[in-house]
Amino acid sequence: MSVWNPENIRDVAESIGIASLNDDVLQGLSSDIEYRLSQVLEEALKFMRHSKRATLSTQDVAQALRVLDVEPLYGYESTRPLRFGEASIGPGQPIFYVEDEEVDFEKLINAPLPKVPREVTLTAHFLSVDGNQPTIPQNPTVADSRTQELVPKGPGVNPHLATINLVDNVTVKPLVKHLLSKELQLYFSNACSAVFDENSDEYRAAALVSLRTDPGLHQLIPYFVQFIAEKVTHNLKNLVILTQTLQLASALLDNKNLYLDPYIASLIPPVLTCLIGRHLGSSTTPLSSYPLRHTAATLLGSVCKKYAKSSHTLKPRLARTCLKHFLDPTKPLATNYGGIIGLQAAGGIEAVRVLILPNVKEYETLIREPLEDEGSPKQAEAEAVLTALISALQTLEDDTTGLRNGLQNGDLANQGRRLQDKVGPLVAGRVLQMGRPRFVKALIEA
């Protein structure tokens, strides 16, 4: 027997013009209605439980109807709990209805009016003019931007970081709680000032020795790494500071008591900037940056030897970057120089054999014209690049074994032609002038 009253179905049928219904039909429809209602209620209860509520709402029923592919009922949405009233119109079941909220017109009339909203207005101002930001109240000042760049990214309570970066009263709320003892703060401040002290070489040497050997610097590693990055970024024209920064990085890398594997990815960009940076030092003396680039290449080579096993992609990524700057004709010769010595330092003999040697003949066309320009600054740079190129190729001679040391005149001429076909006439001429047949044969057979 169905819980749903069949008489309700009969009343609905008579309202749409169906005069009489068989009792079996009424019973079947009652059972089907009961099943459909229970199905809707089960789905609605699922929505209620997933919403972490204990009261079933009309929205739950509407969502259940949508899930069952039934058009939901409209007009029953409410943000407040519904209150049902009961009305009796005679014998039988009572009728329930939703009670409407009674509104007191006197209170409504005497209530204060809401504030008039302001009119929408638009004000235009220039963010930048020809790439320069105008100094108007709507734009931040240069001092504000500079202060924001130099704000320490670590705990804002560290006064030593603010002192080094010339920022006072830093009130930055750190994302991660990381407190340093006063001793470590003092050590960081003194070590950084000593490394960049130009008046006392003894003071600087003592600081570097401490950084190479002190075992208690683990908490200061992220601060040193950030400090190195900021020094390189803001002092690209000062070769002295850049060299001292590389010495600081080298001292940290030489410390066997420190675990630097997680910080290598952050240390590499400053070193690469000193190696293949486009504009380093003064533009009037382009050769002045070459010793800095050589120091950066040496440091890069030590990083690869020490951390290549823990990071399998370190060497390929560095080799790809150096090769790109070595072969790019739009880059200055100083950048090409950094790419050559960087490839040699990072990849070793294998990088010279696979990446440098096959591209020598094509690259020498870029430096032939500057070499022929007598007395120009470009000639000195091109000569330095050519020297670095031949120096990298000489490592192939050290890798060869069992080659004879002498050649006959006929053999020498034949070897010269083969060498010229492989590396080009410019490099081949310089190599043949060195008078090292073993070197010649190593290049040909590589």
Protein backbone atom coordinates (compact mmCIF):
# COMPACT_ATOMS: atom_id res chain seq x y z
CA MET A 1 0.00 0.00 0.00
CA SER A 2 1.36 3.41 -0.96
CA VAL A 3 1.95 6.21 1.54
CA TRP A 4 0.82 8.76 -1.01
CA ASN A 5 -2.96 9.31 -0.88
CA PRO A 6 -4.57 8.17 -4.19
CA GLU A 7 -7.38 10.71 -3.70
CA ASN A 8 -4.92 13.52 -4.38
CA ILE A 9 -4.17 11.97 -7.76
CA ARG A 10 -7.87 11.69 -8.47
CA ASP A 11 -8.38 15.40 -7.64
CA VAL A 12 -5.56 16.41 -9.99
CA ALA A 13 -6.95 14.18 -12.75
CA GLU A 14 -10.43 15.71 -12.44
CA SER A 15 -8.92 19.23 -12.58
CA ILE A 16 -7.42 18.53 -16.01
CA GLY A 17 -10.57 16.87 -17.42
CA ILE A 18 -10.12 13.16 -16.66
CA ALA A 19 -13.45 12.19 -15.13
CA SER A 20 -12.72 8.67 -13.92
CA LEU A 21 -9.61 6.63 -13.20
CA ASN A 22 -9.33 2.94 -12.48
CA ASP A 23 -8.27 2.08 -8.91
CA ASP A 24 -5.35 0.03 -10.23
CA VAL A 25 -4.10 3.05 -12.15
CA LEU A 26 -4.39 5.25 -9.09
CA GLN A 27 -2.45 2.73 -7.03
CA GLY A 28 0.30 2.45 -9.65
CA LEU A 29 0.63 6.23 -9.93
CA SER A 30 0.79 6.57 -6.14
CA SER A 31 3.67 4.07 -5.94
CA ASP A 32 5.54 5.83 -8.73
CA ILE A 33 5.11 9.24 -7.08
CA GLU A 34 6.38 7.84 -3.79
CA TYR A 35 9.46 6.43 -5.54
CA ARG A 36 10.19 9.71 -7.35
CA LEU A 37 9.87 11.74 -4.14
CA SER A 38 12.18 9.43 -2.21
CA GLN A 39 14.72 9.64 -5.05
CA VAL A 40 14.65 13.46 -5.00
CA LEU A 41 14.95 13.54 -1.22
CA GLU A 42 17.94 11.17 -1.22
CA GLU A 43 19.81 13.35 -3.72
CA ALA A 44 18.88 16.51 -1.79
CA LEU A 45 20.18 14.98 1.44
CA LYS A 46 23.49 14.30 -0.30
CA PHE A 47 23.85 18.00 -1.16
CA MET A 48 22.94 18.90 2.41
CA ARG A 49 25.61 16.60 3.90
CA HIS A 50 28.32 17.78 1.47
CA SER A 51 27.49 21.36 2.45
CA LYS A 52 28.11 20.47 6.13
CA ARG A 53 24.57 21.43 7.11
CA ALA A 54 21.91 19.74 9.20
CA THR A 55 18.89 21.54 7.70
CA LEU A 56 17.51 20.70 4.28
CA SER A 57 16.98 23.79 2.10
CA THR A 58 15.13 24.49 -1.11
CA GLN A 59 18.46 24.88 -2.89
CA ASP A 60 19.30 21.25 -2.07
CA VAL A 61 16.03 20.12 -3.64
CA ALA A 62 16.63 22.28 -6.71
CA GLN A 63 20.15 20.83 -7.15
CA ALA A 64 18.74 17.30 -6.76
CA LEU A 65 16.19 17.97 -9.52
CA ARG A 66 18.96 19.21 -11.83
CA VAL A 67 21.01 16.07 -11.17
CA LEU A 68 17.98 13.92 -12.03
CA ASP A 69 17.53 15.90 -15.27
CA VAL A 70 14.29 17.48 -14.07
CA GLU A 71 13.60 21.19 -14.41
CA PRO A 72 13.81 22.69 -10.91
CA LEU A 73 11.05 24.62 -9.25
CA TYR A 74 11.40 28.40 -9.34
CA GLY A 75 10.37 31.03 -6.82
CA TYR A 76 11.26 29.14 -3.64
CA GLU A 77 14.77 30.51 -3.06
CA SER A 78 15.16 32.22 0.29
CA THR A 79 18.06 33.46 2.38
CA ARG A 80 16.15 33.06 5.64
CA PRO A 81 14.50 30.00 7.19
CA LEU A 82 10.94 29.49 5.99
CA ARG A 83 8.14 29.61 8.55
CA PHE A 84 5.13 27.52 7.77
CA GLY A 85 1.69 28.35 9.09
CA GLU A 86 -1.19 25.93 9.52
CA ALA A 87 -4.73 26.59 8.33
CA SER A 88 -7.79 24.42 8.72
CA ILE A 89 -10.70 24.77 6.32
CA GLY A 90 -12.79 21.94 7.65
CA PRO A 91 -12.57 18.27 8.51
CA GLY A 92 -9.56 16.42 7.11
CA GLN A 93 -5.87 17.28 6.84
CA PRO A 94 -4.78 20.87 7.54
CA ILE A 95 -3.16 23.08 4.91
CA PHE A 96 0.32 24.47 5.49
CA TYR A 97 1.46 27.73 3.93
CA VAL A 98 4.52 30.00 4.10
CA GLU A 99 3.95 32.91 6.41
CA ASP A 100 4.80 36.34 5.05
CA GLU A 101 6.79 38.71 7.21
CA GLU A 102 4.68 41.53 8.60
CA VAL A 103 6.07 44.98 7.91
CA ASP A 104 5.26 47.93 10.16
CA PHE A 105 4.63 50.86 7.79
CA GLU A 106 5.15 53.41 10.55
CA LYS A 107 8.68 52.12 11.24
CA LEU A 108 9.37 51.87 7.53
CA ILE A 109 8.28 55.47 6.91
CA ASN A 110 10.18 56.90 9.88
CA ALA A 111 13.39 54.97 9.12
CA PRO A 112 16.29 57.23 8.03
CA LEU A 113 17.07 57.29 4.34
CA PRO A 114 20.31 55.61 3.18
CA LYS A 115 23.23 57.79 2.16
CA VAL A 116 23.24 59.01 -1.40
CA PRO A 117 25.99 57.18 -3.31
CA ARG A 118 28.74 59.26 -4.81
CA GLU A 119 28.84 59.81 -8.51
CA VAL A 120 31.31 57.70 -10.45
CA THR A 121 34.24 59.80 -11.68
CA LEU A 122 37.31 58.97 -13.75
CA THR A 123 40.69 60.67 -13.42
CA ALA A 124 43.47 60.13 -15.96
CA HIS A 125 47.19 60.37 -15.23
CA PHE A 126 50.35 59.25 -17.01
CA LEU A 127 52.06 56.13 -15.71
CA SER A 128 55.01 56.81 -17.97
CA VAL A 129 56.04 59.25 -20.68
CA ASP A 130 58.56 58.00 -23.24
CA GLY A 131 59.56 55.26 -20.81
CA ASN A 132 60.04 57.66 -17.88
CA GLN A 133 57.67 57.74 -14.92
CA PRO A 134 56.53 61.32 -14.10
CA THR A 135 56.78 62.44 -10.48
CA ILE A 136 53.12 63.05 -9.66
CA PRO A 137 51.19 62.08 -6.51
CA GLN A 138 49.52 59.13 -8.25
CA ASN A 139 52.86 57.44 -9.05
CA PRO A 140 55.38 56.10 -6.52
CA THR A 141 58.54 58.09 -6.20
CA VAL A 142 61.96 56.79 -7.20
CA ALA A 143 62.98 56.65 -3.55
CA ASP A 144 59.95 54.51 -2.70
CA SER A 145 60.71 52.10 -5.54
CA ARG A 146 64.37 51.89 -4.54
CA THR A 147 63.42 51.28 -0.91
CA GLN A 148 61.01 48.52 -1.90
CA GLU A 149 63.72 46.80 -3.97
CA LEU A 150 66.21 46.89 -1.12
CA VAL A 151 63.86 45.70 1.59
CA PRO A 152 65.18 42.37 2.97
CA LYS A 153 63.04 39.47 1.92
CA GLY A 154 63.76 37.52 5.10
CA PRO A 155 62.64 38.37 8.62
CA GLY A 156 61.97 42.06 8.92
CA VAL A 157 63.42 42.12 12.42
CA ASN A 158 67.01 41.70 11.24
CA PRO A 159 68.67 45.14 11.55
CA HIS A 160 71.91 43.99 9.90
CA LEU A 161 70.17 43.39 6.56
CA ALA A 162 68.60 46.84 6.69
CA THR A 163 71.96 48.43 7.53
CA ILE A 164 73.74 46.76 4.62
CA ASN A 165 71.05 47.80 2.15
CA LEU A 166 70.81 51.35 3.56
CA VAL A 167 67.21 50.90 4.71
CA ASP A 168 66.06 52.08 8.13
CA ASN A 169 63.02 51.07 10.17
CA VAL A 170 62.18 48.01 8.10
CA THR A 171 58.79 46.60 9.09
CA VAL A 172 58.29 43.66 6.77
CA LYS A 173 56.23 40.80 8.07
CA PRO A 174 58.03 37.57 7.11
CA LEU A 175 56.10 34.75 5.49
CA VAL A 176 58.20 32.18 7.32
CA LYS A 177 59.42 32.64 10.87
CA HIS A 178 63.22 32.53 10.79
CA LEU A 179 65.03 34.12 13.70
CA LEU A 180 68.77 34.62 13.87
CA SER A 181 70.75 34.98 17.03
CA LYS A 182 72.48 38.28 17.71
CA GLU A 183 75.83 36.58 17.23
CA LEU A 184 74.90 35.41 13.71
CA GLN A 185 73.50 38.83 12.85
CA LEU A 186 76.73 40.47 13.98
CA TYR A 187 78.82 37.91 12.08
CA PHE A 188 76.83 38.50 8.87
CA SER A 189 77.20 42.26 9.13
CA ASN A 190 80.93 42.15 9.86
CA ALA A 191 81.68 39.48 7.23
CA CYS A 192 79.90 41.39 4.46
CA SER A 193 81.55 44.69 5.37
CA ALA A 194 84.99 43.02 5.60
CA VAL A 195 84.75 41.35 2.18
CA PHE A 196 84.05 44.71 0.54
CA ASP A 197 86.52 46.70 2.62
CA GLU A 198 88.96 48.34 0.20
CA ASN A 199 91.19 49.79 2.91
CA SER A 200 92.36 46.59 4.63
CA ASP A 201 93.41 43.54 2.64
CA GLU A 202 94.17 41.69 5.85
CA TYR A 203 90.63 42.25 7.12
CA ARG A 204 89.20 40.96 3.82
CA ALA A 205 91.47 37.90 3.78
CA ALA A 206 90.48 37.00 7.34
CA ALA A 207 86.79 37.22 6.45
CA LEU A 208 87.22 34.98 3.41
CA VAL A 209 89.18 32.41 5.44
CA SER A 210 86.40 32.37 8.02
CA LEU A 211 83.77 31.84 5.32
CA ARG A 212 85.79 28.95 3.89
CA THR A 213 86.27 27.11 7.17
CA ASP A 214 83.60 28.11 9.70
CA PRO A 215 81.13 25.20 10.25
CA GLY A 216 78.33 27.22 11.87
CA LEU A 217 77.02 29.23 8.92
CA HIS A 218 74.06 27.09 7.86
CA GLN A 219 71.41 29.60 8.95
CA LEU A 220 73.16 32.43 7.11
CA ILE A 221 73.35 30.67 3.71
CA PRO A 222 70.08 32.10 2.28
CA TYR A 223 71.08 35.60 3.41
CA PHE A 224 74.51 35.32 1.79
CA VAL A 225 72.94 34.02 -1.44
CA GLN A 226 70.49 36.91 -1.57
CA PHE A 227 73.23 39.38 -0.69
CA ILE A 228 75.40 38.09 -3.58
CA ALA A 229 72.52 38.41 -6.05
CA GLU A 230 71.76 41.99 -4.96
CA LYS A 231 75.42 43.05 -5.13
CA VAL A 232 75.78 41.76 -8.69
CA THR A 233 72.48 43.28 -9.80
CA HIS A 234 73.21 46.79 -8.50
CA ASN A 235 76.95 47.03 -9.32
CA LEU A 236 77.34 45.90 -12.93
CA LYS A 237 79.62 48.87 -13.68
CA ASN A 238 81.90 48.34 -10.67
CA LEU A 239 84.34 45.55 -11.49
CA VAL A 240 85.97 45.69 -8.05
CA ILE A 241 82.71 44.95 -6.25
CA LEU A 242 81.84 42.22 -8.76
CA THR A 243 85.21 40.56 -8.22
CA GLN A 244 84.83 40.72 -4.45
CA THR A 245 81.32 39.27 -4.76
CA LEU A 246 82.68 36.30 -6.71
CA GLN A 247 85.32 35.83 -4.03
CA LEU A 248 82.54 35.71 -1.43
CA ALA A 249 80.65 33.09 -3.46
CA SER A 250 83.83 31.08 -3.99
CA ALA A 251 84.55 31.09 -0.24
CA LEU A 252 81.10 29.71 0.53
CA LEU A 253 81.45 27.01 -2.14
CA ASP A 254 84.85 25.99 -0.73
CA ASN A 255 83.41 25.47 2.75
CA LYS A 256 83.15 21.69 3.14
CA ASN A 257 80.94 22.03 6.22
CA LEU A 258 78.03 23.68 4.37
CA TYR A 259 75.27 21.91 2.45
CA LEU A 260 74.72 24.20 -0.56
CA ASP A 261 72.87 21.86 -2.92
CA PRO A 262 69.46 23.57 -2.49
CA TYR A 263 71.03 27.00 -3.15
CA ILE A 264 73.05 26.24 -6.30
CA ALA A 265 70.17 27.28 -8.56
CA SER A 266 70.18 30.70 -6.86
CA LEU A 267 73.97 31.08 -6.97
CA ILE A 268 74.33 30.32 -10.68
CA PRO A 269 72.58 33.48 -12.08
CA PRO A 270 74.98 36.00 -10.46
CA VAL A 271 77.97 33.98 -11.66
CA LEU A 272 76.56 33.76 -15.20
CA THR A 273 75.96 37.51 -15.16
CA CYS A 274 79.64 38.09 -14.41
CA LEU A 275 80.57 35.59 -17.13
CA ILE A 276 78.38 36.53 -20.11
CA GLY A 277 76.97 39.89 -19.09
CA ARG A 278 76.59 42.30 -21.99
CA HIS A 279 77.88 45.46 -20.29
CA LEU A 280 80.29 44.97 -17.41
CA GLY A 281 82.57 47.72 -16.19
CA SER A 282 83.43 50.85 -18.15
CA SER A 283 82.62 51.03 -21.85
CA THR A 284 85.85 52.96 -22.55
CA THR A 285 88.04 50.00 -21.52
CA PRO A 286 86.28 46.87 -22.85
CA LEU A 287 89.18 44.54 -21.94
CA SER A 288 88.88 45.41 -18.25
CA SER A 289 86.02 42.95 -17.76
CA TYR A 290 87.91 39.96 -19.17
CA PRO A 291 89.71 39.01 -15.90
CA LEU A 292 86.32 39.10 -14.13
CA ARG A 293 84.84 36.79 -16.75
CA HIS A 294 87.76 34.41 -16.35
CA THR A 295 87.21 34.34 -12.58
CA ALA A 296 83.51 33.63 -13.10
CA ALA A 297 84.36 30.78 -15.51
CA THR A 298 86.71 29.23 -12.96
CA LEU A 299 84.00 29.45 -10.30
CA LEU A 300 81.44 27.95 -12.69
CA GLY A 301 83.77 25.04 -13.41
CA SER A 302 84.20 24.28 -9.71
CA VAL A 303 80.41 24.35 -9.24
CA CYS A 304 79.94 21.84 -12.05
CA LYS A 305 82.60 19.50 -10.71
CA LYS A 306 81.17 19.55 -7.21
CA TYR A 307 77.41 19.52 -7.83
CA ALA A 308 76.93 17.86 -11.23
CA LYS A 309 76.15 14.51 -9.59
CA SER A 310 73.40 15.90 -7.36
CA SER A 311 71.87 17.93 -10.22
CA HIS A 312 71.88 15.99 -13.49
CA THR A 313 70.55 18.94 -15.52
CA LEU A 314 73.16 21.44 -14.25
CA LYS A 315 75.82 20.84 -16.89
CA PRO A 316 73.43 20.63 -19.90
CA ARG A 317 71.67 23.87 -18.90
CA LEU A 318 74.93 25.75 -18.40
CA ALA A 319 76.38 24.40 -21.65
CA ARG A 320 73.23 25.42 -23.55
CA THR A 321 73.39 28.94 -22.14
CA CYS A 322 77.10 29.41 -22.86
CA LEU A 323 76.79 27.98 -26.38
CA LYS A 324 73.93 30.37 -27.14
CA HIS A 325 76.00 33.41 -26.12
CA PHE A 326 79.10 32.07 -27.91
CA LEU A 327 77.40 31.76 -31.31
CA ASP A 328 75.08 34.78 -31.13
CA PRO A 329 76.40 37.35 -33.67
CA THR A 330 74.35 40.14 -32.05
CA LYS A 331 76.23 39.84 -28.75
CA PRO A 332 79.45 41.80 -28.12
CA LEU A 333 82.80 40.04 -28.33
CA ALA A 334 83.13 40.10 -24.54
CA THR A 335 79.98 37.99 -24.25
CA ASN A 336 81.30 35.57 -26.88
CA TYR A 337 84.53 35.34 -24.87
CA GLY A 338 82.54 34.47 -21.74
CA GLY A 339 80.59 31.81 -23.64
CA ILE A 340 83.82 30.15 -24.87
CA ILE A 341 85.58 29.97 -21.50
CA GLY A 342 82.28 29.07 -19.81
CA LEU A 343 81.80 26.11 -22.13
CA GLN A 344 85.35 24.96 -21.48
CA ALA A 345 85.00 25.30 -17.71
CA ALA A 346 81.53 23.76 -17.38
CA GLY A 347 81.71 20.97 -19.96
CA GLY A 348 85.41 20.17 -20.07
CA ILE A 349 87.07 18.38 -23.00
CA GLU A 350 83.82 16.79 -24.18
CA ALA A 351 82.13 20.19 -24.54
CA VAL A 352 85.13 21.50 -26.52
CA ARG A 353 85.03 18.49 -28.86
CA VAL A 354 81.25 18.44 -29.40
CA LEU A 355 80.20 22.11 -29.09
CA ILE A 356 83.18 24.39 -29.76
CA LEU A 357 85.24 22.61 -32.44
CA PRO A 358 82.38 22.09 -34.98
CA ASN A 359 81.50 25.81 -34.77
CA VAL A 360 85.01 27.31 -34.99
CA LYS A 361 85.01 27.66 -38.77
CA GLU A 362 81.67 29.46 -38.79
CA TYR A 363 82.54 31.67 -35.82
CA GLU A 364 85.88 32.91 -37.18
CA THR A 365 83.98 34.89 -39.84
CA LEU A 366 82.68 37.10 -37.01
CA ILE A 367 86.13 38.04 -35.70
CA ARG A 368 88.05 38.25 -39.01
CA GLU A 369 86.95 41.82 -39.72
CA PRO A 370 87.74 43.19 -36.21
CA LEU A 371 91.18 41.50 -36.34
CA GLU A 372 92.00 43.28 -39.60
CA ASP A 373 91.00 46.68 -38.17
CA GLU A 374 94.38 47.90 -36.95
CA GLY A 375 94.46 50.06 -33.83
CA SER A 376 90.75 49.79 -32.99
CA PRO A 377 89.43 48.63 -29.59
CA LYS A 378 87.63 45.81 -31.39
CA GLN A 379 90.94 44.35 -32.54
CA ALA A 380 92.16 43.81 -28.98
CA GLU A 381 88.87 42.15 -28.04
CA ALA A 382 88.90 39.92 -31.13
CA GLU A 383 92.49 38.92 -30.34
CA ALA A 384 91.47 37.96 -26.80
CA VAL A 385 88.54 35.91 -28.12
CA LEU A 386 90.78 34.12 -30.63
CA THR A 387 93.31 33.36 -27.89
CA ALA A 388 90.56 31.92 -25.68
CA LEU A 389 89.30 29.84 -28.61
CA ILE A 390 92.74 28.34 -29.31
CA SER A 391 93.32 27.81 -25.58
CA ALA A 392 90.09 25.81 -25.37
CA LEU A 393 91.08 23.74 -28.40
CA GLN A 394 94.46 22.92 -26.80
CA THR A 395 92.66 20.75 -24.25
CA LEU A 396 92.03 18.27 -27.08
CA GLU A 397 95.79 17.76 -27.40
CA ASP A 398 96.04 16.72 -23.76
CA ASP A 399 93.32 14.12 -24.35
CA THR A 400 95.17 12.37 -27.18
CA THR A 401 97.60 9.53 -26.69
CA GLY A 402 99.93 7.62 -28.98
CA LEU A 403 100.49 10.40 -31.55
CA ARG A 404 103.94 10.84 -32.98
CA ASN A 405 105.70 14.11 -32.33
CA GLY A 406 107.14 14.77 -35.80
CA LEU A 407 105.83 15.16 -39.35
CA GLN A 408 107.54 15.32 -42.73
CA ASN A 409 107.17 18.37 -44.99
CA GLY A 410 104.66 16.62 -47.25
CA ASP A 411 102.66 15.40 -44.32
CA LEU A 412 102.70 18.88 -42.78
CA ALA A 413 101.27 20.46 -45.93
CA ASN A 414 98.56 17.81 -46.15
CA GLN A 415 97.71 18.24 -42.47
CA GLY A 416 97.54 22.02 -42.98
CA ARG A 417 94.96 21.68 -45.76
CA ARG A 418 92.86 19.31 -43.72
CA LEU A 419 93.08 21.56 -40.67
CA GLN A 420 92.03 24.59 -42.72
CA ASP A 421 89.00 22.72 -44.03
CA LYS A 422 87.98 21.84 -40.49
CA VAL A 423 88.57 25.02 -38.43
CA GLY A 424 88.96 27.72 -41.10
CA PRO A 425 92.03 29.58 -42.39
CA LEU A 426 92.32 32.03 -39.48
CA VAL A 427 92.47 29.50 -36.65
CA ALA A 428 94.42 27.02 -38.80
CA GLY A 429 97.09 29.65 -39.46
CA ARG A 430 97.50 30.43 -35.77
CA VAL A 431 97.68 26.74 -34.86
CA LEU A 432 100.29 26.00 -37.55
CA GLN A 433 102.41 28.94 -36.37
CA MET A 434 102.64 27.27 -32.96
CA GLY A 435 104.64 24.43 -34.53
CA ARG A 436 102.93 21.63 -32.62
CA PRO A 437 102.14 18.74 -34.99
CA ARG A 438 100.52 16.76 -32.21
CA PHE A 439 98.06 19.60 -31.63
CA VAL A 440 97.30 19.76 -35.36
CA LYS A 441 96.64 16.04 -35.59
CA ALA A 442 94.47 16.14 -32.46
CA LEU A 443 92.22 18.79 -34.06
CA ILE A 444 91.95 16.85 -37.31
CA GLU A 445 91.12 13.54 -35.68
CA ALA A 446 88.78 14.97 -33.01
